[in-house]
């Protein structure tokens, strides 16, 4: 199934950020994803984005 408008809302703060993925308008995917601004945490965020792309059918 392909979703129409997958997006990630991102709030950036000093030292930490929060992200919320939506598969389509009004359809949140999971819980808010919080991460610090470290290489390891940013790599986890990259994986989070890749999972959303895979789930949404984006190549």
PDB file of N, CA and C in Angstrom:
ATOM      1  N   UNK A   1       0.848  -1.178   0.000  1.00  0.00           N
ATOM      2  CA  UNK A   1       0.000   0.000   0.000  1.00  0.00           C
ATOM      3  C   UNK A   1       0.895   1.243   0.000  1.00  0.00           C
ATOM      4  N   UNK A   2       0.600   2.205  -0.837  1.00  0.00           N
ATOM      5  CA  UNK A   2       1.359   3.442  -0.880  1.00  0.00           C
ATOM      6  C   UNK A   2       0.544   4.551  -0.218  1.00  0.00           C
ATOM      7  N   UNK A   3       1.194   5.322   0.617  1.00  0.00           N
ATOM      8  CA  UNK A   3       0.542   6.441   1.277  1.00  0.00           C
ATOM      9  C   UNK A   3       0.809   7.702   0.476  1.00  0.00           C
ATOM     10  N   UNK A   4      -0.099   8.647   0.591  1.00  0.00           N
ATOM     11  CA  UNK A   4      -0.044   9.823  -0.257  1.00  0.00           C
ATOM     12  C   UNK A   4       0.961  10.857   0.223  1.00  0.00           C
ATOM     13  N   UNK A   5       0.937  11.178   1.489  1.00  0.00           N
ATOM     14  CA  UNK A   5       1.734  12.303   1.978  1.00  0.00           C
ATOM     15  C   UNK A   5       2.524  11.972   3.240  1.00  0.00           C
ATOM     16  N   UNK A   6       3.472  11.053   3.192  1.00  0.00           N
ATOM     17  CA  UNK A   6       4.245  10.796   4.404  1.00  0.00           C
ATOM     18  C   UNK A   6       5.128  12.007   4.717  1.00  0.00           C
ATOM     19  N   UNK A   7       5.132  12.420   5.971  1.00  0.00           N
ATOM     20  CA  UNK A   7       5.950  13.558   6.403  1.00  0.00           C
ATOM     21  C   UNK A   7       6.517  13.276   7.789  1.00  0.00           C
ATOM     22  N   UNK A   8       7.558  14.021   8.121  1.00  0.00           N
ATOM     23  CA  UNK A   8       8.110  13.988   9.465  1.00  0.00           C
ATOM     24  C   UNK A   8       8.120  15.416   9.981  1.00  0.00           C
ATOM     25  N   UNK A   9       7.431  15.639  11.105  1.00  0.00           N
ATOM     26  CA  UNK A   9       7.485  16.931  11.784  1.00  0.00           C
ATOM     27  C   UNK A   9       8.689  16.908  12.708  1.00  0.00           C
ATOM     28  N   UNK A  10       9.473  17.962  12.708  1.00  0.00           N
ATOM     29  CA  UNK A  10      10.717  17.985  13.463  1.00  0.00           C
ATOM     30  C   UNK A  10      10.823  19.274  14.263  1.00  0.00           C
ATOM     31  N   UNK A  11      11.001  19.131  15.581  1.00  0.00           N
ATOM     32  CA  UNK A  11      11.271  20.274  16.458  1.00  0.00           C
ATOM     33  C   UNK A  11      12.710  20.161  16.923  1.00  0.00           C
ATOM     34  N   UNK A  12      13.500  21.165  16.603  1.00  0.00           N
ATOM     35  CA  UNK A  12      14.920  21.161  16.941  1.00  0.00           C
ATOM     36  C   UNK A  12      15.149  22.090  18.120  1.00  0.00           C
ATOM     37  N   UNK A  13      15.772  21.550  19.144  1.00  0.00           N
ATOM     38  CA  UNK A  13      16.113  22.319  20.331  1.00  0.00           C
ATOM     39  C   UNK A  13      17.617  22.264  20.530  1.00  0.00           C
ATOM     40  N   UNK A  14      18.126  23.028  21.457  1.00  0.00           N
ATOM     41  CA  UNK A  14      19.549  23.002  21.769  1.00  0.00           C
ATOM     42  C   UNK A  14      19.888  21.654  22.402  1.00  0.00           C
ATOM     43  N   UNK A  15      20.651  20.843  21.684  1.00  0.00           N
ATOM     44  CA  UNK A  15      21.122  19.572  22.211  1.00  0.00           C
ATOM     45  C   UNK A  15      20.203  18.384  22.021  1.00  0.00           C
ATOM     46  N   UNK A  16      18.927  18.605  21.664  1.00  0.00           N
ATOM     47  CA  UNK A  16      17.987  17.502  21.505  1.00  0.00           C
ATOM     48  C   UNK A  16      16.887  17.907  20.529  1.00  0.00           C
ATOM     49  N   UNK A  17      16.333  16.912  19.840  1.00  0.00           N
ATOM     50  CA  UNK A  17      15.224  17.172  18.914  1.00  0.00           C
ATOM     51  C   UNK A  17      14.138  16.129  19.103  1.00  0.00           C
ATOM     52  N   UNK A  18      12.964  16.435  18.580  1.00  0.00           N
ATOM     53  CA  UNK A  18      11.828  15.519  18.604  1.00  0.00           C
ATOM     54  C   UNK A  18      11.260  15.439  17.193  1.00  0.00           C
ATOM     55  N   UNK A  19      10.877  14.226  16.801  1.00  0.00           N
ATOM     56  CA  UNK A  19      10.285  14.024  15.479  1.00  0.00           C
ATOM     57  C   UNK A  19       9.007  13.204  15.628  1.00  0.00           C
ATOM     58  N   UNK A  20       8.036  13.481  14.756  1.00  0.00           N
ATOM     59  CA  UNK A  20       6.806  12.695  14.692  1.00  0.00           C
ATOM     60  C   UNK A  20       6.527  12.428  13.229  1.00  0.00           C
ATOM     61  N   UNK A  21       6.427  11.167  12.879  1.00  0.00           N
ATOM     62  CA  UNK A  21       6.145  10.784  11.499  1.00  0.00           C
ATOM     63  C   UNK A  21       4.643  10.633  11.297  1.00  0.00           C
ATOM     64  N   UNK A  22       4.198  10.982  10.109  1.00  0.00           N
ATOM     65  CA  UNK A  22       2.810  10.810   9.699  1.00  0.00           C
ATOM     66  C   UNK A  22       2.825  10.089   8.359  1.00  0.00           C
ATOM     67  N   UNK A  23       2.077   8.999   8.273  1.00  0.00           N
ATOM     68  CA  UNK A  23       2.003   8.267   7.011  1.00  0.00           C
ATOM     69  C   UNK A  23       1.107   8.976   6.012  1.00  0.00           C
ATOM     70  N   UNK A  24       0.166   9.727   6.513  1.00  0.00           N
ATOM     71  CA  UNK A  24      -0.747  10.494   5.683  1.00  0.00           C
ATOM     72  C   UNK A  24      -1.387  11.528   6.607  1.00  0.00           C
ATOM     73  N   UNK A  25      -2.100  12.458   6.064  1.00  0.00           N
ATOM     74  CA  UNK A  25      -2.724  13.514   6.860  1.00  0.00           C
ATOM     75  C   UNK A  25      -3.542  12.916   8.005  1.00  0.00           C
ATOM     76  N   UNK A  26      -3.193  13.296   9.222  1.00  0.00           N
ATOM     77  CA  UNK A  26      -3.929  12.847  10.393  1.00  0.00           C
ATOM     78  C   UNK A  26      -3.653  11.417  10.819  1.00  0.00           C
ATOM     79  N   UNK A  27      -2.631  10.773  10.245  1.00  0.00           N
ATOM     80  CA  UNK A  27      -2.307   9.388  10.582  1.00  0.00           C
ATOM     81  C   UNK A  27      -0.906   9.294  11.157  1.00  0.00           C
ATOM     82  N   UNK A  28      -0.741   9.593  12.455  1.00  0.00           N
ATOM     83  CA  UNK A  28       0.592   9.505  13.041  1.00  0.00           C
ATOM     84  C   UNK A  28       1.098   8.071  13.047  1.00  0.00           C
ATOM     85  N   UNK A  29       2.395   7.925  12.896  1.00  0.00           N
ATOM     86  CA  UNK A  29       3.035   6.611  12.926  1.00  0.00           C
ATOM     87  C   UNK A  29       3.834   6.498  14.216  1.00  0.00           C
ATOM     88  N   UNK A  30       3.345   5.713  15.130  1.00  0.00           N
ATOM     89  CA  UNK A  30       4.082   5.485  16.369  1.00  0.00           C
ATOM     90  C   UNK A  30       4.126   6.702  17.272  1.00  0.00           C
ATOM     91  N   UNK A  31       5.065   6.637  18.202  1.00  0.00           N
ATOM     92  CA  UNK A  31       5.236   7.695  19.193  1.00  0.00           C
ATOM     93  C   UNK A  31       6.232   8.736  18.707  1.00  0.00           C
ATOM     94  N   UNK A  32       6.321   9.815  19.447  1.00  0.00           N
ATOM     95  CA  UNK A  32       7.312  10.852  19.158  1.00  0.00           C
ATOM     96  C   UNK A  32       8.701  10.247  19.329  1.00  0.00           C
ATOM     97  N   UNK A  33       9.591  10.547  18.407  1.00  0.00           N
ATOM     98  CA  UNK A  33      10.962  10.054  18.409  1.00  0.00           C
ATOM     99  C   UNK A  33      11.855  11.183  18.924  1.00  0.00           C
ATOM    100  N   UNK A  34      12.468  10.981  20.075  1.00  0.00           N
ATOM    101  CA  UNK A  34      13.366  11.985  20.651  1.00  0.00           C
ATOM    102  C   UNK A  34      14.797  11.547  20.443  1.00  0.00           C
ATOM    103  N   UNK A  35      15.666  12.495  20.137  1.00  0.00           N
ATOM    104  CA  UNK A  35      17.075  12.137  19.961  1.00  0.00           C
ATOM    105  C   UNK A  35      17.984  13.319  20.261  1.00  0.00           C
ATOM    106  N   UNK A  36      19.140  12.990  20.808  1.00  0.00           N
ATOM    107  CA  UNK A  36      20.165  13.995  21.094  1.00  0.00           C
ATOM    108  C   UNK A  36      20.947  14.270  19.817  1.00  0.00           C
ATOM    109  N   UNK A  37      21.732  15.305  19.823  1.00  0.00           N
ATOM    110  CA  UNK A  37      22.514  15.679  18.650  1.00  0.00           C
ATOM    111  C   UNK A  37      23.911  15.059  18.719  1.00  0.00           C
ATOM    112  N   UNK A  38      23.932  13.732  18.663  1.00  0.00           N
ATOM    113  CA  UNK A  38      25.184  12.987  18.615  1.00  0.00           C
ATOM    114  C   UNK A  38      25.194  12.176  17.327  1.00  0.00           C
ATOM    115  N   UNK A  39      26.370  11.740  16.907  1.00  0.00           N
ATOM    116  CA  UNK A  39      26.453  10.940  15.679  1.00  0.00           C
ATOM    117  C   UNK A  39      25.617   9.681  15.785  1.00  0.00           C
ATOM    118  N   UNK A  40      25.671   8.995  16.917  1.00  0.00           N
ATOM    119  CA  UNK A  40      24.922   7.748  17.099  1.00  0.00           C
ATOM    120  C   UNK A  40      23.413   8.004  17.031  1.00  0.00           C
ATOM    121  N   UNK A  41      22.950   9.042  17.717  1.00  0.00           N
ATOM    122  CA  UNK A  41      21.516   9.349  17.729  1.00  0.00           C
ATOM    123  C   UNK A  41      21.038   9.825  16.357  1.00  0.00           C
ATOM    124  N   UNK A  42      21.853  10.596  15.654  1.00  0.00           N
ATOM    125  CA  UNK A  42      21.471  11.043  14.309  1.00  0.00           C
ATOM    126  C   UNK A  42      21.415   9.866  13.339  1.00  0.00           C
ATOM    127  N   UNK A  43      22.262   8.862  13.533  1.00  0.00           N
ATOM    128  CA  UNK A  43      22.198   7.657  12.709  1.00  0.00           C
ATOM    129  C   UNK A  43      20.893   6.918  12.986  1.00  0.00           C
ATOM    130  N   UNK A  44      20.437   6.885  14.234  1.00  0.00           N
ATOM    131  CA  UNK A  44      19.152   6.255  14.559  1.00  0.00           C
ATOM    132  C   UNK A  44      18.012   7.034  13.903  1.00  0.00           C
ATOM    133  N   UNK A  45      18.112   8.366  13.881  1.00  0.00           N
ATOM    134  CA  UNK A  45      17.090   9.176  13.220  1.00  0.00           C
ATOM    135  C   UNK A  45      17.067   8.897  11.716  1.00  0.00           C
ATOM    136  N   UNK A  46      18.232   8.744  11.117  1.00  0.00           N
ATOM    137  CA  UNK A  46      18.307   8.393   9.698  1.00  0.00           C
ATOM    138  C   UNK A  46      17.596   7.057   9.448  1.00  0.00           C
ATOM    139  N   UNK A  47      17.805   6.087  10.336  1.00  0.00           N
ATOM    140  CA  UNK A  47      17.124   4.791  10.218  1.00  0.00           C
ATOM    141  C   UNK A  47      15.606   4.957  10.362  1.00  0.00           C
ATOM    142  N   UNK A  48      15.196   5.835  11.280  1.00  0.00           N
ATOM    143  CA  UNK A  48      13.775   6.141  11.483  1.00  0.00           C
ATOM    144  C   UNK A  48      13.162   6.679  10.193  1.00  0.00           C
ATOM    145  N   UNK A  49      13.880   7.586   9.513  1.00  0.00           N
ATOM    146  CA  UNK A  49      13.389   8.138   8.252  1.00  0.00           C
ATOM    147  C   UNK A  49      13.319   7.062   7.176  1.00  0.00           C
ATOM    148  N   UNK A  50      14.317   6.187   7.121  1.00  0.00           N
ATOM    149  CA  UNK A  50      14.336   5.109   6.134  1.00  0.00           C
ATOM    150  C   UNK A  50      13.167   4.157   6.359  1.00  0.00           C
ATOM    151  N   UNK A  51      12.857   3.837   7.618  1.00  0.00           N
ATOM    152  CA  UNK A  51      11.709   2.978   7.924  1.00  0.00           C
ATOM    153  C   UNK A  51      10.409   3.605   7.417  1.00  0.00           C
ATOM    154  N   UNK A  52      10.268   4.920   7.591  1.00  0.00           N
ATOM    155  CA  UNK A  52       9.066   5.610   7.098  1.00  0.00           C
ATOM    156  C   UNK A  52       8.990   5.517   5.576  1.00  0.00           C
ATOM    157  N   UNK A  53      10.115   5.752   4.905  1.00  0.00           N
ATOM    158  CA  UNK A  53      10.127   5.642   3.451  1.00  0.00           C
ATOM    159  C   UNK A  53       9.737   4.240   3.002  1.00  0.00           C
ATOM    160  N   UNK A  54      10.296   3.226   3.645  1.00  0.00           N
ATOM    161  CA  UNK A  54       9.982   1.838   3.280  1.00  0.00           C
ATOM    162  C   UNK A  54       8.501   1.537   3.505  1.00  0.00           C
ATOM    163  N   UNK A  55       7.981   1.959   4.649  1.00  0.00           N
ATOM    164  CA  UNK A  55       6.567   1.713   4.966  1.00  0.00           C
ATOM    165  C   UNK A  55       5.636   2.436   4.006  1.00  0.00           C
ATOM    166  N   UNK A  56       6.051   3.631   3.560  1.00  0.00           N
ATOM    167  CA  UNK A  56       5.220   4.435   2.664  1.00  0.00           C
ATOM    168  C   UNK A  56       5.382   4.026   1.204  1.00  0.00           C
ATOM    169  N   UNK A  57       6.341   3.135   0.923  1.00  0.00           N
ATOM    170  CA  UNK A  57       6.544   2.686  -0.454  1.00  0.00           C
ATOM    171  C   UNK A  57       7.327   3.659  -1.294  1.00  0.00           C
ATOM    172  N   UNK A  58       8.148   4.487  -0.656  1.00  0.00           N
ATOM    173  CA  UNK A  58       8.981   5.446  -1.385  1.00  0.00           C
ATOM    174  C   UNK A  58      10.290   4.771  -1.756  1.00  0.00           C
ATOM    175  N   UNK A  59      10.662   4.874  -3.021  1.00  0.00           N
ATOM    176  CA  UNK A  59      11.890   4.217  -3.495  1.00  0.00           C
ATOM    177  C   UNK A  59      13.031   5.193  -3.465  1.00  0.00           C
TER     178      UNK A  59
END
